[in-house]
Amino acid sequence: MMVVVQFGLAAILLSILAIRRPPHPIVVIAEMFGVGSSASLAWPALMSLGVAGFGATAYAGVKAIELSNHNGATNDRN
């Protein structure tokens, strides 16, 4: 259950970071490579990938716990 909470919290925090401006060091690094304007597009894209990954893992964990609880309840009746 703790893993589900941690992955869920990570998904929430990354979604908050996705709507903010990219950090200044990332903008500077992008400008050094000559693609400074793309930092404001790449930042939310990368954060949304993290949200999807952490959110899917948290969802799978919840489903696994529900399945485990459901199977445990049916085994107790037998």
N, C-alpha and C. Protein backbone atom coordinates (compact mmCIF):
# COMPACT_ATOMS: atom_id res chain seq x y z
N MET A 1 0.81 -1.19 0.00
CA MET A 1 0.00 0.00 0.00
C MET A 1 0.86 1.26 0.00
N MET A 2 2.00 1.21 0.69
CA MET A 2 2.89 2.38 0.72
C MET A 2 3.42 2.72 -0.67
N VAL A 3 3.70 1.70 -1.46
CA VAL A 3 4.20 1.95 -2.82
C VAL A 3 3.14 2.65 -3.65
N VAL A 4 1.89 2.25 -3.50
CA VAL A 4 0.79 2.89 -4.23
C VAL A 4 0.70 4.37 -3.83
N VAL A 5 0.82 4.65 -2.56
CA VAL A 5 0.75 6.03 -2.08
C VAL A 5 1.91 6.85 -2.64
N GLN A 6 3.10 6.26 -2.64
CA GLN A 6 4.27 6.99 -3.15
C GLN A 6 4.16 7.25 -4.64
N PHE A 7 3.72 6.26 -5.41
CA PHE A 7 3.55 6.48 -6.84
C PHE A 7 2.44 7.48 -7.13
N GLY A 8 1.37 7.43 -6.36
CA GLY A 8 0.29 8.40 -6.53
C GLY A 8 0.74 9.81 -6.22
N LEU A 9 1.49 9.96 -5.14
CA LEU A 9 2.02 11.28 -4.77
C LEU A 9 2.97 11.80 -5.84
N ALA A 10 3.81 10.92 -6.38
CA ALA A 10 4.73 11.34 -7.44
C ALA A 10 3.96 11.80 -8.67
N ALA A 11 2.88 11.12 -9.02
CA ALA A 11 2.08 11.51 -10.18
C ALA A 11 1.44 12.89 -9.95
N ILE A 12 0.96 13.13 -8.74
CA ILE A 12 0.35 14.43 -8.43
C ILE A 12 1.39 15.53 -8.49
N LEU A 13 2.56 15.29 -7.90
CA LEU A 13 3.59 16.33 -7.89
C LEU A 13 4.12 16.61 -9.30
N LEU A 14 4.27 15.59 -10.12
CA LEU A 14 4.71 15.82 -11.50
C LEU A 14 3.66 16.57 -12.30
N SER A 15 2.39 16.33 -12.03
CA SER A 15 1.36 17.08 -12.74
C SER A 15 1.40 18.56 -12.36
N ILE A 16 1.75 18.85 -11.11
CA ILE A 16 1.91 20.25 -10.69
C ILE A 16 3.12 20.86 -11.39
N LEU A 17 4.21 20.10 -11.46
CA LEU A 17 5.41 20.62 -12.15
C LEU A 17 5.17 20.84 -13.64
N ALA A 18 4.28 20.04 -14.23
CA ALA A 18 4.03 20.15 -15.67
C ALA A 18 3.40 21.49 -16.04
N ILE A 19 2.63 22.08 -15.15
CA ILE A 19 1.95 23.33 -15.50
C ILE A 19 2.79 24.56 -15.15
N ARG A 20 3.94 24.34 -14.54
CA ARG A 20 4.83 25.45 -14.21
C ARG A 20 5.86 25.65 -15.33
N ARG A 21 6.53 26.77 -15.29
CA ARG A 21 7.60 27.02 -16.25
C ARG A 21 8.77 26.09 -15.97
N PRO A 22 9.56 25.80 -17.00
CA PRO A 22 10.73 24.94 -16.77
C PRO A 22 11.75 25.64 -15.87
N PRO A 23 12.48 24.89 -15.08
CA PRO A 23 13.50 25.50 -14.22
C PRO A 23 14.56 26.21 -15.07
N HIS A 24 15.12 27.25 -14.50
CA HIS A 24 16.10 28.08 -15.22
C HIS A 24 17.30 27.28 -15.72
N PRO A 25 17.89 26.36 -14.93
CA PRO A 25 19.03 25.60 -15.46
C PRO A 25 18.69 24.79 -16.72
N ILE A 26 17.46 24.29 -16.81
CA ILE A 26 17.08 23.54 -18.01
C ILE A 26 16.97 24.46 -19.21
N VAL A 27 16.47 25.67 -19.00
CA VAL A 27 16.39 26.66 -20.08
C VAL A 27 17.78 27.04 -20.54
N VAL A 28 18.71 27.23 -19.60
CA VAL A 28 20.09 27.59 -19.95
C VAL A 28 20.75 26.47 -20.74
N ILE A 29 20.55 25.24 -20.30
CA ILE A 29 21.14 24.10 -21.01
C ILE A 29 20.56 23.99 -22.42
N ALA A 30 19.25 24.19 -22.55
CA ALA A 30 18.63 24.15 -23.88
C ALA A 30 19.17 25.25 -24.77
N GLU A 31 19.40 26.43 -24.20
CA GLU A 31 19.96 27.53 -24.99
C GLU A 31 21.39 27.24 -25.42
N MET A 32 22.14 26.52 -24.56
CA MET A 32 23.52 26.15 -24.94
C MET A 32 23.53 25.22 -26.15
N PHE A 33 22.50 24.40 -26.28
CA PHE A 33 22.40 23.50 -27.43
C PHE A 33 21.70 24.15 -28.61
N GLY A 34 21.25 25.40 -28.44
CA GLY A 34 20.64 26.14 -29.53
C GLY A 34 19.16 25.89 -29.71
N VAL A 35 18.54 25.27 -28.73
CA VAL A 35 17.11 25.00 -28.82
C VAL A 35 16.39 25.55 -27.58
N GLY A 36 16.69 26.76 -27.22
CA GLY A 36 16.16 27.37 -26.01
C GLY A 36 14.65 27.47 -25.99
N SER A 37 14.05 27.74 -27.14
CA SER A 37 12.59 27.89 -27.16
C SER A 37 11.87 26.56 -26.98
N SER A 38 12.54 25.47 -27.25
CA SER A 38 11.87 24.17 -27.11
C SER A 38 11.81 23.69 -25.67
N ALA A 39 12.52 24.34 -24.76
CA ALA A 39 12.49 23.94 -23.35
C ALA A 39 11.10 24.10 -22.77
N SER A 40 10.38 25.14 -23.19
CA SER A 40 9.04 25.35 -22.66
C SER A 40 8.04 24.34 -23.22
N LEU A 41 8.39 23.64 -24.29
CA LEU A 41 7.55 22.57 -24.82
C LEU A 41 7.99 21.21 -24.29
N ALA A 42 9.28 21.02 -24.14
CA ALA A 42 9.79 19.72 -23.71
C ALA A 42 9.52 19.47 -22.23
N TRP A 43 9.55 20.51 -21.41
CA TRP A 43 9.34 20.34 -19.98
C TRP A 43 7.97 19.72 -19.67
N PRO A 44 6.86 20.29 -20.14
CA PRO A 44 5.57 19.66 -19.83
C PRO A 44 5.42 18.29 -20.48
N ALA A 45 6.04 18.09 -21.63
CA ALA A 45 5.95 16.78 -22.28
C ALA A 45 6.64 15.71 -21.44
N LEU A 46 7.81 16.02 -20.93
CA LEU A 46 8.52 15.05 -20.08
C LEU A 46 7.80 14.83 -18.75
N MET A 47 7.25 15.89 -18.19
CA MET A 47 6.52 15.73 -16.93
C MET A 47 5.26 14.90 -17.13
N SER A 48 4.58 15.08 -18.27
CA SER A 48 3.37 14.29 -18.52
C SER A 48 3.70 12.82 -18.73
N LEU A 49 4.88 12.52 -19.27
CA LEU A 49 5.31 11.12 -19.35
C LEU A 49 5.50 10.53 -17.96
N GLY A 50 6.05 11.31 -17.07
CA GLY A 50 6.21 10.86 -15.68
C GLY A 50 4.86 10.67 -15.00
N VAL A 51 3.92 11.59 -15.24
CA VAL A 51 2.58 11.46 -14.67
C VAL A 51 1.92 10.18 -15.17
N ALA A 52 2.04 9.91 -16.46
CA ALA A 52 1.43 8.71 -17.02
C ALA A 52 2.06 7.45 -16.43
N GLY A 53 3.37 7.43 -16.33
CA GLY A 53 4.05 6.25 -15.81
C GLY A 53 3.75 6.00 -14.35
N PHE A 54 3.89 7.03 -13.53
CA PHE A 54 3.63 6.87 -12.09
C PHE A 54 2.15 6.62 -11.82
N GLY A 55 1.29 7.30 -12.57
CA GLY A 55 -0.15 7.10 -12.39
C GLY A 55 -0.59 5.70 -12.78
N ALA A 56 -0.05 5.18 -13.87
CA ALA A 56 -0.40 3.83 -14.29
C ALA A 56 0.10 2.79 -13.28
N THR A 57 1.27 3.01 -12.73
CA THR A 57 1.80 2.08 -11.74
C THR A 57 0.97 2.13 -10.46
N ALA A 58 0.57 3.32 -10.04
CA ALA A 58 -0.27 3.44 -8.85
C ALA A 58 -1.63 2.77 -9.08
N TYR A 59 -2.19 2.96 -10.26
CA TYR A 59 -3.47 2.34 -10.59
C TYR A 59 -3.36 0.82 -10.60
N ALA A 60 -2.29 0.31 -11.18
CA ALA A 60 -2.07 -1.14 -11.19
C ALA A 60 -1.90 -1.68 -9.77
N GLY A 61 -1.24 -0.92 -8.93
CA GLY A 61 -1.08 -1.33 -7.54
C GLY A 61 -2.41 -1.38 -6.81
N VAL A 62 -3.27 -0.40 -7.04
CA VAL A 62 -4.59 -0.39 -6.41
C VAL A 62 -5.40 -1.59 -6.88
N LYS A 63 -5.35 -1.86 -8.17
CA LYS A 63 -6.09 -3.01 -8.71
C LYS A 63 -5.55 -4.32 -8.15
N ALA A 64 -4.25 -4.43 -7.97
CA ALA A 64 -3.67 -5.64 -7.40
C ALA A 64 -4.10 -5.82 -5.95
N ILE A 65 -4.17 -4.73 -5.20
CA ILE A 65 -4.62 -4.81 -3.81
C ILE A 65 -6.09 -5.21 -3.76
N GLU A 66 -6.91 -4.62 -4.64
CA GLU A 66 -8.33 -4.99 -4.68
C GLU A 66 -8.50 -6.46 -5.04
N LEU A 67 -7.74 -6.94 -6.00
CA LEU A 67 -7.82 -8.34 -6.40
C LEU A 67 -7.37 -9.25 -5.28
N SER A 68 -6.33 -8.86 -4.59
CA SER A 68 -5.83 -9.64 -3.46
C SER A 68 -6.87 -9.69 -2.34
N ASN A 69 -7.50 -8.56 -2.05
CA ASN A 69 -8.53 -8.51 -1.02
C ASN A 69 -9.75 -9.32 -1.43
N HIS A 70 -10.11 -9.26 -2.71
CA HIS A 70 -11.26 -10.00 -3.20
C HIS A 70 -10.99 -11.50 -3.14
N ASN A 71 -9.82 -11.94 -3.57
CA ASN A 71 -9.47 -13.36 -3.53
C ASN A 71 -9.34 -13.85 -2.10
N GLY A 72 -8.82 -13.04 -1.22
CA GLY A 72 -8.70 -13.42 0.18
C GLY A 72 -10.06 -13.58 0.84
N ALA A 73 -11.01 -12.72 0.46
CA ALA A 73 -12.36 -12.80 1.03
C ALA A 73 -13.06 -14.06 0.55
N THR A 74 -12.89 -14.44 -0.71
CA THR A 74 -13.55 -15.65 -1.22
C THR A 74 -12.91 -16.90 -0.65
N ASN A 75 -11.60 -16.86 -0.42
CA ASN A 75 -10.92 -18.03 0.16
C ASN A 75 -11.30 -18.21 1.62
N ASP A 76 -11.61 -17.14 2.33
CA ASP A 76 -11.98 -17.25 3.73
C ASP A 76 -13.36 -17.90 3.90
N ARG A 77 -14.22 -17.74 2.92
CA ARG A 77 -15.55 -18.32 3.01
C ARG A 77 -15.54 -19.83 2.79
N ASN A 78 -14.55 -20.32 2.09
CA ASN A 78 -14.53 -21.77 1.77
C ASN A 78 -14.04 -22.57 2.92
